[in-house]
């Protein structure tokens, strides 16, 4: 299978970004409704804090990464496929009101996973938050690690939840977008976590620039930064 040459970053940060996702924006509830999304290898989707991405179709993640700091909501007939090499990092709320979550890779939870539908786990789920399965059904054919979190509801069908964690304290299984971002995260993740653009920390040898069109941060080499400033692309905070 071939993949696209360039990765696509989908970021839900408000109405303009919702339109870019071909979604319908509801300003009353800060909700963007989409009819589905296809993600290839290296693609990423980030749902900002306080925002809701509501899916009414099928989200297919073929090797990309999904960051949920707000809410990712699947409706009654929706499906989330997290296929091999795909990752979901949830520090907000991942909820299914009757839909299906098919996990063949990894889901890392530090927030809340609320299942009112069906979960088929053939990969790994690491829980440092809450897994609430009281009103849904989980078929666990893979591994669910409860890493100091809470599992609410009946035990899943299949393999029991492991009340242990195979990760050390220096290898946290659920990377939080709000933890040590200044040292570890790219500008996109720092922005999504709520760090002001002007406070973004760049890696060694890079300098911060703020994009004029949308106020987003970027970290660039000094020579590139000077050219873009001359062209009016951005400014130094």
Protein backbone atom coordinates (compact mmCIF):
# COMPACT_ATOMS: atom_id res chain seq x y z
CA UNK A 1 0.00 0.00 0.00
CA UNK A 2 1.37 3.41 -0.93
CA UNK A 3 0.98 6.49 1.18
CA UNK A 4 0.77 10.15 0.37
CA UNK A 5 4.04 12.01 0.06
CA UNK A 6 3.18 14.71 2.57
CA UNK A 7 1.52 14.36 5.95
CA UNK A 8 -1.71 16.22 6.65
CA UNK A 9 -2.35 17.88 9.99
CA UNK A 10 -5.98 18.33 10.94
CA UNK A 11 -6.52 20.70 13.87
CA UNK A 12 -9.92 21.55 15.31
CA UNK A 13 -9.46 24.96 16.93
CA UNK A 14 -12.68 26.74 15.91
CA UNK A 15 -15.02 27.45 13.03
CA UNK A 16 -12.40 28.05 10.27
CA UNK A 17 -10.67 24.76 11.02
CA UNK A 18 -14.05 23.01 11.11
CA UNK A 19 -14.74 24.20 7.59
CA UNK A 20 -11.34 22.84 6.53
CA UNK A 21 -12.50 19.47 7.88
CA UNK A 22 -15.63 19.79 5.66
CA UNK A 23 -17.64 20.01 8.85
CA UNK A 24 -20.66 21.90 10.11
CA UNK A 25 -19.96 24.30 12.99
CA UNK A 26 -22.35 24.86 15.91
CA UNK A 27 -21.13 27.93 17.83
CA UNK A 28 -23.58 27.35 20.68
CA UNK A 29 -21.81 24.16 21.72
CA UNK A 30 -18.40 24.68 20.05
CA UNK A 31 -19.11 21.54 18.05
CA UNK A 32 -17.88 20.52 14.62
CA UNK A 33 -19.90 17.74 12.98
CA UNK A 34 -18.17 15.73 10.27
CA UNK A 35 -19.34 12.80 8.18
CA UNK A 36 -16.05 10.93 8.42
CA UNK A 37 -12.30 11.25 7.95
CA UNK A 38 -9.52 9.20 6.35
CA UNK A 39 -6.02 9.43 7.81
CA UNK A 40 -2.91 7.91 6.28
CA UNK A 41 0.50 7.22 7.75
CA UNK A 42 2.01 10.33 9.44
CA UNK A 43 -1.29 12.25 9.33
CA UNK A 44 -2.53 13.75 12.59
CA UNK A 45 -5.80 14.98 14.04
CA UNK A 46 -5.92 17.23 17.11
CA UNK A 47 -9.12 18.24 18.90
CA UNK A 48 -8.55 21.35 21.00
CA UNK A 49 -9.58 21.75 24.61
CA UNK A 50 -13.19 22.86 25.09
CA UNK A 51 -14.16 21.80 21.55
CA UNK A 52 -16.20 18.84 20.31
CA UNK A 53 -15.57 16.89 17.13
CA UNK A 54 -18.75 14.93 16.43
CA UNK A 55 -18.48 12.16 13.87
CA UNK A 56 -21.56 10.84 12.13
CA UNK A 57 -19.74 8.47 9.76
CA UNK A 58 -16.43 6.59 9.79
CA UNK A 59 -13.03 7.77 10.99
CA UNK A 60 -10.26 5.54 9.61
CA UNK A 61 -6.79 6.01 11.05
CA UNK A 62 -4.24 4.09 8.98
CA UNK A 63 -1.03 4.80 10.88
CA UNK A 64 -1.66 8.39 11.90
CA UNK A 65 -2.04 9.97 15.33
CA UNK A 66 -5.15 11.35 17.00
CA UNK A 67 -4.82 13.77 19.94
CA UNK A 68 -8.00 14.45 21.92
CA UNK A 69 -7.78 17.32 24.40
CA UNK A 70 -11.45 18.25 24.02
CA UNK A 71 -14.10 15.70 23.03
CA UNK A 72 -14.27 13.20 20.20
CA UNK A 73 -17.86 11.97 20.01
CA UNK A 74 -19.15 9.11 17.89
CA UNK A 75 -22.90 8.99 17.29
CA UNK A 76 -25.11 5.92 17.30
CA UNK A 77 -23.94 4.56 13.95
CA UNK A 78 -20.38 5.91 13.81
CA UNK A 79 -17.21 3.84 13.61
CA UNK A 80 -13.64 4.62 14.63
CA UNK A 81 -11.00 2.37 13.06
CA UNK A 82 -7.60 2.72 14.70
CA UNK A 83 -5.63 0.44 12.43
CA UNK A 84 -2.13 -1.01 12.74
CA UNK A 85 0.54 1.58 13.59
CA UNK A 86 -2.16 4.12 14.47
CA UNK A 87 -2.26 5.87 17.86
CA UNK A 88 -4.92 7.67 19.87
CA UNK A 89 -3.85 9.88 22.78
CA UNK A 90 -6.84 10.97 24.86
CA UNK A 91 -6.53 13.49 27.67
CA UNK A 92 -10.09 14.76 27.21
CA UNK A 93 -13.17 12.66 26.44
CA UNK A 94 -13.61 9.91 23.88
CA UNK A 95 -17.25 8.90 23.83
CA UNK A 96 -19.43 6.60 21.76
CA UNK A 97 -23.19 6.99 22.12
CA UNK A 98 -23.85 3.67 20.42
CA UNK A 99 -21.21 3.44 17.74
CA UNK A 100 -18.21 1.14 17.41
CA UNK A 101 -14.54 1.56 18.26
CA UNK A 102 -12.24 -0.94 16.50
CA UNK A 103 -8.72 -0.78 17.90
CA UNK A 104 -5.98 -2.74 16.15
CA UNK A 105 -3.12 -0.58 17.42
CA UNK A 106 -2.84 1.57 20.56
CA UNK A 107 -5.12 3.82 22.58
CA UNK A 108 -3.58 5.78 25.45
CA UNK A 109 -6.10 7.26 27.87
CA UNK A 110 -5.52 9.84 30.57
CA UNK A 111 -9.00 11.33 30.33
CA UNK A 112 -12.30 9.50 30.03
CA UNK A 113 -13.42 6.85 27.57
CA UNK A 114 -17.21 6.58 27.80
CA UNK A 115 -18.56 3.59 25.92
CA UNK A 116 -22.29 3.35 25.26
CA UNK A 117 -21.74 1.19 22.19
CA UNK A 118 -19.23 -1.53 21.36
CA UNK A 119 -15.45 -1.68 21.61
CA UNK A 120 -13.44 -4.34 19.80
CA UNK A 121 -9.87 -4.28 21.07
CA UNK A 122 -7.31 -6.31 19.13
CA UNK A 123 -4.40 -4.10 20.11
CA UNK A 124 -3.47 -2.31 23.32
CA UNK A 125 -5.39 0.09 25.54
CA UNK A 126 -3.40 1.77 28.34
CA UNK A 127 -5.58 3.47 30.94
CA UNK A 128 -4.41 6.15 33.32
CA UNK A 129 -7.82 7.82 33.49
CA UNK A 130 -11.32 6.32 33.39
CA UNK A 131 -12.71 3.55 31.23
CA UNK A 132 -16.49 3.55 31.73
CA UNK A 133 -18.15 0.50 30.20
CA UNK A 134 -21.32 0.34 32.32
CA UNK A 135 -23.64 0.93 29.37
CA UNK A 136 -21.62 -0.65 26.57
CA UNK A 137 -19.85 -3.86 25.59
CA UNK A 138 -16.12 -4.42 25.26
CA UNK A 139 -14.65 -7.41 23.45
CA UNK A 140 -11.03 -7.54 24.55
CA UNK A 141 -9.03 -9.78 22.23
CA UNK A 142 -5.87 -7.78 22.89
CA UNK A 143 -4.55 -6.22 26.09
CA UNK A 144 -6.01 -3.59 28.40
CA UNK A 145 -3.49 -2.26 30.91
CA UNK A 146 -4.94 -0.35 33.86
CA UNK A 147 -2.05 1.95 34.73
CA UNK A 148 -3.36 3.46 37.95
CA UNK A 149 -6.68 4.45 36.39
CA UNK A 150 -10.28 3.40 36.98
CA UNK A 151 -12.30 0.81 35.11
CA UNK A 152 -16.04 1.12 35.68
CA UNK A 153 -18.55 -1.51 34.65
CA UNK A 154 -18.56 -5.23 34.00
CA UNK A 155 -15.34 -6.98 32.93
CA UNK A 156 -15.03 -7.08 29.16
CA UNK A 157 -15.67 -10.15 27.07
CA UNK A 158 -12.43 -11.94 26.32
CA UNK A 159 -9.19 -11.20 28.14
CA UNK A 160 -9.47 -9.65 31.62
CA UNK A 161 -8.11 -6.20 32.38
CA UNK A 162 -4.54 -6.35 33.66
CA UNK A 163 -4.29 -4.38 36.90
CA UNK A 164 -0.68 -3.55 36.17
CA UNK A 165 1.39 -1.42 33.86
CA UNK A 166 4.37 -2.55 31.78
CA UNK A 167 5.78 0.98 31.59
CA UNK A 168 8.23 2.66 33.96
CA UNK A 169 7.77 6.16 35.33
CA UNK A 170 10.21 7.45 32.72
CA UNK A 171 8.19 5.80 29.94
CA UNK A 172 4.70 7.05 30.64
CA UNK A 173 2.25 5.03 28.53
CA UNK A 174 -0.11 7.94 28.13
CA UNK A 175 1.83 11.03 26.97
CA UNK A 176 -0.17 14.02 28.13
CA UNK A 177 -0.20 17.08 25.86
CA UNK A 178 0.09 19.21 29.01
CA UNK A 179 3.10 17.40 30.50
CA UNK A 180 6.63 18.68 29.81
CA UNK A 181 5.53 20.18 26.52
CA UNK A 182 8.18 22.85 26.61
CA UNK A 183 10.84 20.15 26.50
CA UNK A 184 9.23 17.51 24.27
CA UNK A 185 6.43 18.70 22.01
CA UNK A 186 6.22 20.33 18.64
CA UNK A 187 4.65 23.82 18.38
CA UNK A 188 1.34 22.32 17.23
CA UNK A 189 0.93 20.21 20.37
CA UNK A 190 2.03 23.07 22.63
CA UNK A 191 -0.65 25.28 21.07
CA UNK A 192 -3.37 22.62 21.33
CA UNK A 193 -2.55 22.08 25.01
CA UNK A 194 -3.30 25.72 25.77
CA UNK A 195 0.22 27.18 25.87
CA UNK A 196 0.10 30.71 24.37
CA UNK A 197 1.80 30.98 20.99
CA UNK A 198 4.27 33.58 22.30
CA UNK A 199 5.38 31.14 25.04
CA UNK A 200 6.18 28.30 22.67
CA UNK A 201 9.58 26.74 23.33
CA UNK A 202 11.63 25.73 20.30
CA UNK A 203 14.27 23.06 20.05
CA UNK A 204 17.98 23.69 19.88
CA UNK A 205 19.00 25.74 16.85
CA UNK A 206 15.45 26.90 16.06
CA UNK A 207 13.73 30.21 16.63
CA UNK A 208 10.08 31.08 17.23
CA UNK A 209 7.96 32.88 14.67
CA UNK A 210 4.23 33.66 14.82
CA UNK A 211 2.32 33.18 11.58
CA UNK A 212 0.54 36.39 10.57
CA UNK A 213 -2.52 34.75 9.02
CA UNK A 214 -3.69 32.68 12.00
CA UNK A 215 -1.40 33.45 14.95
CA UNK A 216 0.01 29.93 15.11
CA UNK A 217 3.60 29.30 16.25
CA UNK A 218 6.38 27.74 14.22
CA UNK A 219 9.99 26.89 14.97
CA UNK A 220 12.41 27.57 12.13
CA UNK A 221 16.08 27.89 11.42
CA UNK A 222 17.32 31.52 11.63
CA UNK A 223 17.99 31.86 7.89
CA UNK A 224 14.50 30.67 6.97
CA UNK A 225 12.92 32.83 9.66
CA UNK A 226 14.52 36.02 8.30
CA UNK A 227 13.26 35.34 4.79
CA UNK A 228 9.70 34.73 5.96
CA UNK A 229 9.70 37.88 8.08
CA UNK A 230 10.82 39.92 5.07
CA UNK A 231 7.95 38.45 3.07
CA UNK A 232 5.43 39.31 5.79
CA UNK A 233 4.66 35.63 6.50
CA UNK A 234 5.16 36.08 10.24
CA UNK A 235 6.73 38.05 13.04
CA UNK A 236 8.87 37.48 16.13
CA UNK A 237 6.81 37.74 19.36
